[in-house]
Every structure is written in C-alpha cells, then in structure tokens.
Protein backbone atom coordinates (compact mmCIF):
# COMPACT_ATOMS: atom_id res chain seq x y z
CA MET A 1 -5.04 25.06 -45.15
CA GLU A 2 -7.66 26.61 -47.40
CA SER A 3 -10.12 29.14 -46.13
CA ASP A 4 -13.82 28.99 -46.92
CA ASN A 5 -13.83 32.76 -47.48
CA PRO A 6 -13.86 33.87 -51.12
CA ILE A 7 -11.24 36.37 -52.22
CA ASP A 8 -12.34 39.92 -51.56
CA PRO A 9 -13.62 41.48 -54.84
CA GLU A 10 -11.33 44.48 -54.38
CA LEU A 11 -8.33 42.18 -53.98
CA GLN A 12 -9.40 40.26 -57.10
CA ARG A 13 -9.56 43.54 -59.04
CA ILE A 14 -6.09 44.56 -57.82
CA LEU A 15 -4.55 41.19 -58.68
CA ALA A 16 -6.16 41.21 -62.16
CA ALA A 17 -4.85 44.71 -62.83
CA LYS A 18 -1.38 43.68 -61.67
CA SER A 19 -1.41 40.67 -63.98
CA MET A 20 -2.59 42.80 -66.91
CA ARG A 21 0.14 45.39 -66.28
CA ARG A 22 2.82 42.68 -66.18
CA LYS A 23 1.60 41.30 -69.52
CA GLU A 24 1.63 44.81 -71.04
CA LEU A 25 5.20 45.41 -69.83
CA ALA A 26 6.35 42.01 -71.08
CA ALA A 27 4.97 42.80 -74.55
CA LEU A 28 6.97 46.04 -74.88
CA PRO A 29 9.96 46.13 -77.22
CA ILE A 30 13.35 45.88 -75.52
CA GLU A 31 14.15 49.51 -76.40
CA GLU A 32 11.15 50.73 -74.41
CA LYS A 33 12.04 48.48 -71.48
CA ILE A 34 15.52 50.04 -71.42
CA ARG A 35 14.01 53.56 -71.47
CA ILE A 36 11.85 52.62 -68.48
CA LEU A 37 14.87 51.20 -66.66
CA VAL A 38 16.91 54.38 -67.26
CA ARG A 39 13.99 56.51 -66.04
CA MET A 40 13.89 54.47 -62.82
CA GLN A 41 17.67 54.93 -62.46
CA GLU A 42 17.19 58.70 -62.80
CA MET A 43 14.45 58.69 -60.17
CA VAL A 44 16.43 56.73 -57.57
CA ALA A 45 19.86 58.32 -58.20
CA PRO A 46 19.30 61.32 -55.85
CA LEU A 47 18.30 58.97 -53.03
CA ILE A 48 21.40 56.83 -53.52
CA ARG A 49 23.66 59.89 -53.69
CA ALA A 50 22.07 61.28 -50.51
CA ARG A 51 23.35 58.15 -48.76
CA GLY A 52 26.87 58.96 -49.95
CA LYS A 53 27.00 56.21 -52.54
CA GLU A 54 27.75 56.38 -56.24
CA ALA A 55 24.70 56.20 -58.50
CA VAL A 56 25.10 55.23 -62.13
CA VAL A 57 22.52 56.29 -64.69
CA TRP A 58 22.99 54.83 -68.13
CA LYS A 59 23.35 57.29 -70.99
CA ILE A 60 21.11 56.37 -73.91
CA ASP A 61 19.66 58.13 -76.93
CA ALA A 62 16.06 58.87 -76.00
C-alpha cells in the first residue's frame, strides 16, 4: 500500500549519494577493487582473531 507522504528530502539525499557511490565503485578497475577488499580484510582480521577464529588476509603487491 502506497503512502501519500513524499519521501523525506534527507532520505532522498542519502539514497542518491548511496547510488552514486555504488556507481563509482562499479566503475573502478578490478585491481583497485581487490585493493579495497584486502584493506577490508585487514580491518576485520583482528576482530575475527579475537573470537578465536582464523582470519586470512590476501597478500598482494600494493
């Protein structure tokens, strides 16, 4: 069921920024996407290890 209320302007701004960011990330070359992925692995590895689990961080040439 649709609401008669328009989308809040702040929510519109957030959704537009999210869409723009996704398009920017999609346009990156694969090498940059891999660098981002490895950086995220590095960031989360200490949290995973703190839970007693093995964390794997890929080794790449930066």
